[in-house]
Amino acid sequence: MDSKIKIEGYHGTISSYKESIKKEGLDPEKTNKREDHWLGDGVYFFEKYKMAKWWGNTLASKRTSNIYSIVYKTEIEVLKKNMLDLDISEDLDKFGDFSLELDKELKKNKHLKFKSQHEIRGLFFNYYKIKNNIFVIMNTFEKEKTTYAKHRDKKDLSNQIPLFKALGLSYKERQICVSNKKCIKNIEVIDEKEIEVI
């Protein structure tokens, strides 16, 4: 029998989606399909609340003043056979083998053109999910700088980036992409702060 994996996840979003989420839940079928999704289409979660809050605030800052951030906490449940964890070398090798084969097939089609690297990445992950019955993909992304870390002035940041690179250091963001609604359990709002408009 395949083991069940349980993961706590945090989803940062904005108040304009509140009613839809209340009615439909966090539904991968209702998300915007975007070519720049890191791990293909689905609902995205962070393993850390702080990062979900940062993402919700980032989205809210791009909207009108009466839009605010919301963070949902959920439990993600998935059978091991339906999960791909790219931080595990065996899973990364599986995806690597698949990617090399798909790349060969795509190169045979001379008429196939992609607009961007993001579009290629989205295609590879979405196709892998379909071909291998994968509902959850996880990966830790590395960044040389980020807005949720300690603020540094331009001079310190310009020194930190090459220093961190030389030392092999980076900020790490573990993200979870869920493409099957049945894997998302026990949705609760844990942070909802409406900003008073004066």
C-alpha atoms as a PDB file:
ATOM      1  CA  MET A   1       0.000   0.000   0.000  1.00  0.00           C
ATOM      2  CA  ASP A   2       1.311   3.424  -0.989  1.00  0.00           C
ATOM      3  CA  SER A   3       1.994   5.794   1.903  1.00  0.00           C
ATOM      4  CA  LYS A   4      -0.012   8.985   2.321  1.00  0.00           C
ATOM      5  CA  ILE A   5       1.948  12.229   2.653  1.00  0.00           C
ATOM      6  CA  LYS A   6       0.520  15.120   4.694  1.00  0.00           C
ATOM      7  CA  ILE A   7       1.920  18.629   4.330  1.00  0.00           C
ATOM      8  CA  GLU A   8       0.857  21.898   5.931  1.00  0.00           C
ATOM      9  CA  GLY A   9       0.559  24.605   3.293  1.00  0.00           C
ATOM     10  CA  TYR A  10      -0.076  28.354   3.280  1.00  0.00           C
ATOM     11  CA  HIS A  11      -1.749  30.122   0.360  1.00  0.00           C
ATOM     12  CA  GLY A  12      -1.411  33.898   0.095  1.00  0.00           C
ATOM     13  CA  THR A  13      -3.955  35.733  -2.009  1.00  0.00           C
ATOM     14  CA  ILE A  14      -6.166  38.836  -2.023  1.00  0.00           C
ATOM     15  CA  SER A  15      -9.645  39.733  -0.801  1.00  0.00           C
ATOM     16  CA  SER A  16     -11.153  39.919  -4.305  1.00  0.00           C
ATOM     17  CA  TYR A  17     -10.956  36.088  -4.426  1.00  0.00           C
ATOM     18  CA  LYS A  18     -12.469  35.574  -0.958  1.00  0.00           C
ATOM     19  CA  GLU A  19     -16.062  34.850  -2.041  1.00  0.00           C
ATOM     20  CA  SER A  20     -14.973  32.495  -4.803  1.00  0.00           C
ATOM     21  CA  ILE A  21     -12.737  30.550  -2.393  1.00  0.00           C
ATOM     22  CA  LYS A  22     -15.543  30.467   0.188  1.00  0.00           C
ATOM     23  CA  LYS A  23     -17.893  28.991  -2.429  1.00  0.00           C
ATOM     24  CA  GLU A  24     -15.532  26.754  -4.456  1.00  0.00           C
ATOM     25  CA  GLY A  25     -12.610  26.149  -2.088  1.00  0.00           C
ATOM     26  CA  LEU A  26      -9.040  26.363  -3.351  1.00  0.00           C
ATOM     27  CA  ASP A  27      -9.743  24.755  -6.696  1.00  0.00           C
ATOM     28  CA  PRO A  28      -6.929  24.173  -9.229  1.00  0.00           C
ATOM     29  CA  GLU A  29      -9.497  24.175 -12.028  1.00  0.00           C
ATOM     30  CA  LYS A  30     -10.476  27.763 -11.153  1.00  0.00           C
ATOM     31  CA  THR A  31      -6.939  29.191 -11.161  1.00  0.00           C
ATOM     32  CA  ASN A  32      -5.609  31.360 -13.945  1.00  0.00           C
ATOM     33  CA  LYS A  33      -3.610  29.367 -16.460  1.00  0.00           C
ATOM     34  CA  ARG A  34      -0.318  31.173 -16.835  1.00  0.00           C
ATOM     35  CA  GLU A  35       2.767  30.323 -18.828  1.00  0.00           C
ATOM     36  CA  ASP A  36       5.047  31.600 -16.057  1.00  0.00           C
ATOM     37  CA  HIS A  37       3.872  29.199 -13.348  1.00  0.00           C
ATOM     38  CA  TRP A  38       6.986  27.747 -11.721  1.00  0.00           C
ATOM     39  CA  LEU A  39       5.649  24.181 -11.481  1.00  0.00           C
ATOM     40  CA  GLY A  40       2.835  24.164 -14.010  1.00  0.00           C
ATOM     41  CA  ASP A  41      -0.819  24.989 -13.411  1.00  0.00           C
ATOM     42  CA  GLY A  42      -2.436  24.576  -9.998  1.00  0.00           C
ATOM     43  CA  VAL A  43      -2.929  26.211  -6.612  1.00  0.00           C
ATOM     44  CA  TYR A  44       0.371  27.305  -5.069  1.00  0.00           C
ATOM     45  CA  PHE A  45       1.303  27.020  -1.410  1.00  0.00           C
ATOM     46  CA  PHE A  46       4.350  27.879   0.660  1.00  0.00           C
ATOM     47  CA  GLU A  47       5.522  25.745   3.567  1.00  0.00           C
ATOM     48  CA  LYS A  48       6.034  28.931   5.583  1.00  0.00           C
ATOM     49  CA  TYR A  49       3.318  31.384   6.608  1.00  0.00           C
ATOM     50  CA  LYS A  50       5.686  34.376   6.297  1.00  0.00           C
ATOM     51  CA  MET A  51       6.165  33.741   2.565  1.00  0.00           C
ATOM     52  CA  ALA A  52       2.432  33.335   1.911  1.00  0.00           C
ATOM     53  CA  LYS A  53       1.798  36.630   3.712  1.00  0.00           C
ATOM     54  CA  TRP A  54       4.531  38.324   1.665  1.00  0.00           C
ATOM     55  CA  TRP A  55       2.952  37.014  -1.558  1.00  0.00           C
ATOM     56  CA  GLY A  56      -0.547  38.181  -0.539  1.00  0.00           C
ATOM     57  CA  ASN A  57       0.823  41.619   0.341  1.00  0.00           C
ATOM     58  CA  THR A  58       2.666  41.766  -2.999  1.00  0.00           C
ATOM     59  CA  LEU A  59      -0.565  41.012  -4.888  1.00  0.00           C
ATOM     60  CA  ALA A  60      -2.572  43.505  -2.805  1.00  0.00           C
ATOM     61  CA  SER A  61      -0.034  46.284  -3.392  1.00  0.00           C
ATOM     62  CA  LYS A  62      -0.703  46.074  -7.133  1.00  0.00           C
ATOM     63  CA  ARG A  63      -4.459  46.594  -6.716  1.00  0.00           C
ATOM     64  CA  THR A  64      -6.765  49.362  -5.519  1.00  0.00           C
ATOM     65  CA  SER A  65      -6.591  50.557  -1.931  1.00  0.00           C
ATOM     66  CA  ASN A  66      -9.610  48.552  -0.730  1.00  0.00           C
ATOM     67  CA  ILE A  67      -8.017  45.187  -1.657  1.00  0.00           C
ATOM     68  CA  TYR A  68      -6.128  43.415   1.118  1.00  0.00           C
ATOM     69  CA  SER A  69      -4.180  40.200   1.603  1.00  0.00           C
ATOM     70  CA  ILE A  70      -5.543  36.930   3.007  1.00  0.00           C
ATOM     71  CA  VAL A  71      -3.602  33.828   4.047  1.00  0.00           C
ATOM     72  CA  TYR A  72      -5.251  30.409   4.045  1.00  0.00           C
ATOM     73  CA  LYS A  73      -3.826  27.458   5.944  1.00  0.00           C
ATOM     74  CA  THR A  74      -4.543  23.981   4.592  1.00  0.00           C
ATOM     75  CA  GLU A  75      -3.520  20.393   4.930  1.00  0.00           C
ATOM     76  CA  ILE A  76      -2.345  18.819   1.688  1.00  0.00           C
ATOM     77  CA  GLU A  77      -2.796  15.044   1.473  1.00  0.00           C
ATOM     78  CA  VAL A  78      -1.419  12.976  -1.376  1.00  0.00           C
ATOM     79  CA  LEU A  79      -0.272   9.422  -1.993  1.00  0.00           C
ATOM     80  CA  LYS A  80       3.487   9.185  -2.532  1.00  0.00           C
ATOM     81  CA  LYS A  81       2.931   7.788  -6.049  1.00  0.00           C
ATOM     82  CA  ASN A  82       0.981  10.968  -6.983  1.00  0.00           C
ATOM     83  CA  MET A  83       3.667  13.384  -5.748  1.00  0.00           C
ATOM     84  CA  LEU A  84       6.901  14.689  -7.235  1.00  0.00           C
ATOM     85  CA  ASP A  85       9.384  16.287  -4.825  1.00  0.00           C
ATOM     86  CA  LEU A  86      12.179  17.854  -6.862  1.00  0.00           C
ATOM     87  CA  ASP A  87      14.317  18.241  -3.731  1.00  0.00           C
ATOM     88  CA  ILE A  88      14.677  14.434  -3.655  1.00  0.00           C
ATOM     89  CA  SER A  89      17.314  13.212  -6.112  1.00  0.00           C
ATOM     90  CA  GLU A  90      15.308  10.121  -7.200  1.00  0.00           C
ATOM     91  CA  ASP A  91      12.297  12.282  -8.093  1.00  0.00           C
ATOM     92  CA  LEU A  92      14.511  14.811  -9.847  1.00  0.00           C
ATOM     93  CA  ASP A  93      16.058  11.965 -11.895  1.00  0.00           C
ATOM     94  CA  LYS A  94      12.584  10.722 -12.906  1.00  0.00           C
ATOM     95  CA  PHE A  95      11.642  14.184 -14.082  1.00  0.00           C
ATOM     96  CA  GLY A  96      15.049  14.549 -15.771  1.00  0.00           C
ATOM     97  CA  ASP A  97      14.575  11.325 -17.779  1.00  0.00           C
ATOM     98  CA  PHE A  98      11.089  12.432 -18.820  1.00  0.00           C
ATOM     99  CA  SER A  99      12.326  15.923 -19.761  1.00  0.00           C
ATOM    100  CA  LEU A 100      15.145  14.601 -21.947  1.00  0.00           C
ATOM    101  CA  GLU A 101      12.725  12.341 -23.840  1.00  0.00           C
ATOM    102  CA  LEU A 102      10.138  15.105 -24.261  1.00  0.00           C
ATOM    103  CA  ASP A 103      12.867  17.494 -25.428  1.00  0.00           C
ATOM    104  CA  LYS A 104      13.889  15.005 -28.161  1.00  0.00           C
ATOM    105  CA  GLU A 105      10.277  14.702 -29.311  1.00  0.00           C
ATOM    106  CA  LEU A 106       9.755  18.462 -29.375  1.00  0.00           C
ATOM    107  CA  LYS A 107      12.944  19.020 -31.399  1.00  0.00           C
ATOM    108  CA  LYS A 108      11.600  16.713 -34.102  1.00  0.00           C
ATOM    109  CA  ASN A 109       8.771  19.180 -34.730  1.00  0.00           C
ATOM    110  CA  LYS A 110      10.476  21.995 -36.649  1.00  0.00           C
ATOM    111  CA  HIS A 111       7.301  24.122 -36.706  1.00  0.00           C
ATOM    112  CA  LEU A 112       6.850  24.207 -32.956  1.00  0.00           C
ATOM    113  CA  LYS A 113       7.809  27.601 -31.513  1.00  0.00           C
ATOM    114  CA  PHE A 114       7.762  28.783 -27.906  1.00  0.00           C
ATOM    115  CA  LYS A 115       7.431  32.399 -26.832  1.00  0.00           C
ATOM    116  CA  SER A 116       9.591  32.034 -23.736  1.00  0.00           C
ATOM    117  CA  GLN A 117      11.456  29.724 -21.396  1.00  0.00           C
ATOM    118  CA  HIS A 118       8.490  30.059 -19.014  1.00  0.00           C
ATOM    119  CA  GLU A 119       6.173  28.580 -21.620  1.00  0.00           C
ATOM    120  CA  ILE A 120       8.522  25.610 -22.090  1.00  0.00           C
ATOM    121  CA  ARG A 121       8.760  25.054 -18.326  1.00  0.00           C
ATOM    122  CA  GLY A 122       4.970  25.159 -17.918  1.00  0.00           C
ATOM    123  CA  LEU A 123       4.514  22.693 -20.770  1.00  0.00           C
ATOM    124  CA  PHE A 124       7.031  20.219 -19.315  1.00  0.00           C
ATOM    125  CA  PHE A 125       5.491  20.248 -15.831  1.00  0.00           C
ATOM    126  CA  ASN A 126       1.874  20.118 -17.012  1.00  0.00           C
ATOM    127  CA  TYR A 127       2.617  17.261 -19.410  1.00  0.00           C
ATOM    128  CA  TYR A 128       4.540  15.352 -16.713  1.00  0.00           C
ATOM    129  CA  LYS A 129       1.567  15.666 -14.344  1.00  0.00           C
ATOM    130  CA  ILE A 130      -0.837  14.289 -16.958  1.00  0.00           C
ATOM    131  CA  LYS A 131       1.407  11.422 -18.121  1.00  0.00           C
ATOM    132  CA  ASN A 132       2.343  10.302 -14.586  1.00  0.00           C
ATOM    133  CA  ASN A 133      -0.843  11.016 -12.609  1.00  0.00           C
ATOM    134  CA  ILE A 134       0.916  13.611 -10.437  1.00  0.00           C
ATOM    135  CA  PHE A 135      -1.271  15.817  -8.218  1.00  0.00           C
ATOM    136  CA  VAL A 136       1.389  17.597  -6.137  1.00  0.00           C
ATOM    137  CA  ILE A 137       4.801  18.946  -7.176  1.00  0.00           C
ATOM    138  CA  MET A 138       7.208  20.509  -4.679  1.00  0.00           C
ATOM    139  CA  ASN A 139      10.487  22.324  -5.163  1.00  0.00           C
ATOM    140  CA  THR A 140      12.771  24.682  -3.284  1.00  0.00           C
ATOM    141  CA  PHE A 141      13.650  27.697  -5.399  1.00  0.00           C
ATOM    142  CA  GLU A 142      16.782  29.719  -4.723  1.00  0.00           C
ATOM    143  CA  LYS A 143      16.998  33.510  -4.955  1.00  0.00           C
ATOM    144  CA  GLU A 144      19.978  35.810  -4.619  1.00  0.00           C
ATOM    145  CA  LYS A 145      17.788  38.555  -3.112  1.00  0.00           C
ATOM    146  CA  THR A 146      14.204  38.901  -1.977  1.00  0.00           C
ATOM    147  CA  THR A 147      11.877  41.567  -0.577  1.00  0.00           C
ATOM    148  CA  TYR A 148      10.812  39.499   2.462  1.00  0.00           C
ATOM    149  CA  ALA A 149      14.361  39.269   3.843  1.00  0.00           C
ATOM    150  CA  LYS A 150      16.160  41.903   5.910  1.00  0.00           C
ATOM    151  CA  HIS A 151      16.219  45.202   4.061  1.00  0.00           C
ATOM    152  CA  ARG A 152      19.665  46.228   2.872  1.00  0.00           C
ATOM    153  CA  ASP A 153      20.604  49.459   1.141  1.00  0.00           C
ATOM    154  CA  LYS A 154      21.861  49.307  -2.463  1.00  0.00           C
ATOM    155  CA  LYS A 155      25.527  49.343  -1.444  1.00  0.00           C
ATOM    156  CA  ASP A 156      25.189  46.445   1.035  1.00  0.00           C
ATOM    157  CA  LEU A 157      23.008  44.485  -1.402  1.00  0.00           C
ATOM    158  CA  SER A 158      25.516  44.950  -4.230  1.00  0.00           C
ATOM    159  CA  ASN A 159      28.177  43.515  -1.889  1.00  0.00           C
ATOM    160  CA  GLN A 160      25.963  40.734  -0.520  1.00  0.00           C
ATOM    161  CA  ILE A 161      24.908  39.254  -3.873  1.00  0.00           C
ATOM    162  CA  PRO A 162      28.417  38.348  -5.148  1.00  0.00           C
ATOM    163  CA  LEU A 163      29.513  37.350  -1.621  1.00  0.00           C
ATOM    164  CA  PHE A 164      26.552  34.958  -1.195  1.00  0.00           C
ATOM    165  CA  LYS A 165      27.233  33.576  -4.683  1.00  0.00           C
ATOM    166  CA  ALA A 166      30.898  32.906  -3.789  1.00  0.00           C
ATOM    167  CA  LEU A 167      29.836  31.257  -0.516  1.00  0.00           C
ATOM    168  CA  GLY A 168      27.140  29.144  -2.218  1.00  0.00           C
ATOM    169  CA  LEU A 169      24.337  30.820  -0.242  1.00  0.00           C
ATOM    170  CA  SER A 170      20.858  31.881  -1.316  1.00  0.00           C
ATOM    171  CA  TYR A 171      17.371  32.546   0.017  1.00  0.00           C
ATOM    172  CA  LYS A 172      15.222  29.441  -0.243  1.00  0.00           C
ATOM    173  CA  GLU A 173      11.504  29.244  -1.066  1.00  0.00           C
ATOM    174  CA  ARG A 174       9.839  25.853  -0.857  1.00  0.00           C
ATOM    175  CA  GLN A 175       6.712  25.922  -3.001  1.00  0.00           C
ATOM    176  CA  ILE A 176       3.994  23.339  -3.432  1.00  0.00           C
ATOM    177  CA  CYS A 177       1.794  23.203  -6.538  1.00  0.00           C
ATOM    178  CA  VAL A 178      -1.439  21.218  -6.160  1.00  0.00           C
ATOM    179  CA  SER A 179      -3.331  20.312  -9.315  1.00  0.00           C
ATOM    180  CA  ASN A 180      -6.049  18.087  -7.780  1.00  0.00           C
ATOM    181  CA  LYS A 181      -8.664  19.681  -5.493  1.00  0.00           C
ATOM    182  CA  LYS A 182      -9.129  16.432  -3.515  1.00  0.00           C
ATOM    183  CA  CYS A 183      -5.618  16.878  -2.082  1.00  0.00           C
ATOM    184  CA  ILE A 184      -6.523  20.188  -0.400  1.00  0.00           C
ATOM    185  CA  LYS A 185      -8.090  19.614   3.045  1.00  0.00           C
ATOM    186  CA  ASN A 186      -9.196  21.729   6.013  1.00  0.00           C
ATOM    187  CA  ILE A 187      -9.021  25.213   4.518  1.00  0.00           C
ATOM    188  CA  GLU A 188      -9.015  27.957   7.143  1.00  0.00           C
ATOM    189  CA  VAL A 189      -8.354  31.682   7.052  1.00  0.00           C
ATOM    190  CA  ILE A 190      -5.495  32.481   9.423  1.00  0.00           C
ATOM    191  CA  ASP A 191      -4.740  36.062   8.444  1.00  0.00           C
ATOM    192  CA  GLU A 192      -7.207  38.546   7.048  1.00  0.00           C
ATOM    193  CA  LYS A 193      -6.622  42.212   7.721  1.00  0.00           C
ATOM    194  CA  GLU A 194      -8.811  44.673   5.951  1.00  0.00           C
ATOM    195  CA  ILE A 195      -7.059  48.017   5.765  1.00  0.00           C
ATOM    196  CA  GLU A 196      -9.302  50.848   6.816  1.00  0.00           C
ATOM    197  CA  VAL A 197      -9.753  53.333   3.996  1.00  0.00           C
ATOM    198  CA  ILE A 198      -9.809  56.928   5.278  1.00  0.00           C
END
